């Protein structure tokens, strides 16, 4: 099994985390990880956030076009 070294709040330090047996079929790409030291679980999730542009009236004066 592959593992990642992440900070564990329970262990209060960096510890290896590995995916548990995944019933959803993710295998080693499972978003759930378990600390091998204490058993604390974390969910790793990546998501995209669209970047919006501020309206001209909300931009600082030094950024406004003359």
Protein backbone atom coordinates (compact mmCIF):
# COMPACT_ATOMS: atom_id res chain seq x y z
CA UNK A 1 0.00 0.00 0.00
CA UNK A 2 1.15 3.52 -0.70
CA UNK A 3 1.26 6.09 2.07
CA UNK A 4 1.60 9.83 2.50
CA UNK A 5 3.32 11.70 5.28
CA UNK A 6 0.84 14.23 6.68
CA UNK A 7 0.45 16.19 9.91
CA UNK A 8 -1.70 14.30 12.41
CA UNK A 9 -3.58 16.39 14.98
CA UNK A 10 -3.86 13.45 17.38
CA UNK A 11 -0.18 12.44 17.18
CA UNK A 12 0.81 16.14 17.08
CA UNK A 13 3.38 15.54 14.38
CA UNK A 14 4.01 14.22 10.89
CA UNK A 15 3.00 10.59 10.49
CA UNK A 16 2.45 8.18 7.60
CA UNK A 17 -1.16 7.91 6.44
CA UNK A 18 -2.47 5.15 4.19
CA UNK A 19 -5.82 4.37 2.60
CA UNK A 20 -8.02 1.86 4.42
CA UNK A 21 -9.62 -1.07 2.60
CA UNK A 22 -11.95 0.88 0.30
CA UNK A 23 -15.41 -0.57 -0.32
CA UNK A 24 -16.05 2.07 -3.03
CA UNK A 25 -13.37 0.63 -5.31
CA UNK A 26 -10.94 3.58 -5.16
CA UNK A 27 -8.00 1.39 -4.21
CA UNK A 28 -4.90 3.45 -3.35
CA UNK A 29 -6.65 6.59 -4.73
CA UNK A 30 -9.23 6.51 -1.93
CA UNK A 31 -9.85 10.04 -0.55
CA UNK A 32 -9.96 8.62 2.98
CA UNK A 33 -6.64 8.17 4.77
CA UNK A 34 -5.85 6.61 8.15
CA UNK A 35 -2.91 7.57 10.39
CA UNK A 36 -0.78 4.46 10.86
CA UNK A 37 0.25 5.69 14.32
CA UNK A 38 -3.08 6.36 16.03
CA UNK A 39 -5.81 5.47 13.53
CA UNK A 40 -7.16 9.02 13.07
CA UNK A 41 -9.00 9.42 9.77
CA UNK A 42 -8.86 12.30 7.29
CA UNK A 43 -10.57 12.89 3.96
CA UNK A 44 -8.44 14.44 1.23
CA UNK A 45 -10.51 16.36 -1.27
CA UNK A 46 -9.60 18.58 -4.18
CA UNK A 47 -12.10 20.94 -5.71
CA UNK A 48 -11.98 23.83 -8.17
CA UNK A 49 -13.21 27.31 -7.31
CA UNK A 50 -13.96 29.70 -10.16
CA UNK A 51 -12.07 32.99 -10.01
CA UNK A 52 -14.29 36.02 -10.42
CA UNK A 53 -13.24 39.52 -11.30
CA UNK A 54 -14.04 42.41 -8.96
CA UNK A 55 -16.23 45.17 -10.31
CA UNK A 56 -14.38 48.43 -11.09
CA UNK A 57 -16.15 50.18 -8.21
CA UNK A 58 -14.80 47.61 -5.73
CA UNK A 59 -11.19 47.77 -6.89
CA UNK A 60 -8.75 49.95 -4.91
CA UNK A 61 -8.23 53.45 -6.36
CA UNK A 62 -4.61 52.74 -7.34
CA UNK A 63 -5.82 49.84 -9.54
CA UNK A 64 -8.55 51.73 -11.41
CA UNK A 65 -7.90 52.80 -14.97
CA UNK A 66 -7.54 56.55 -15.45
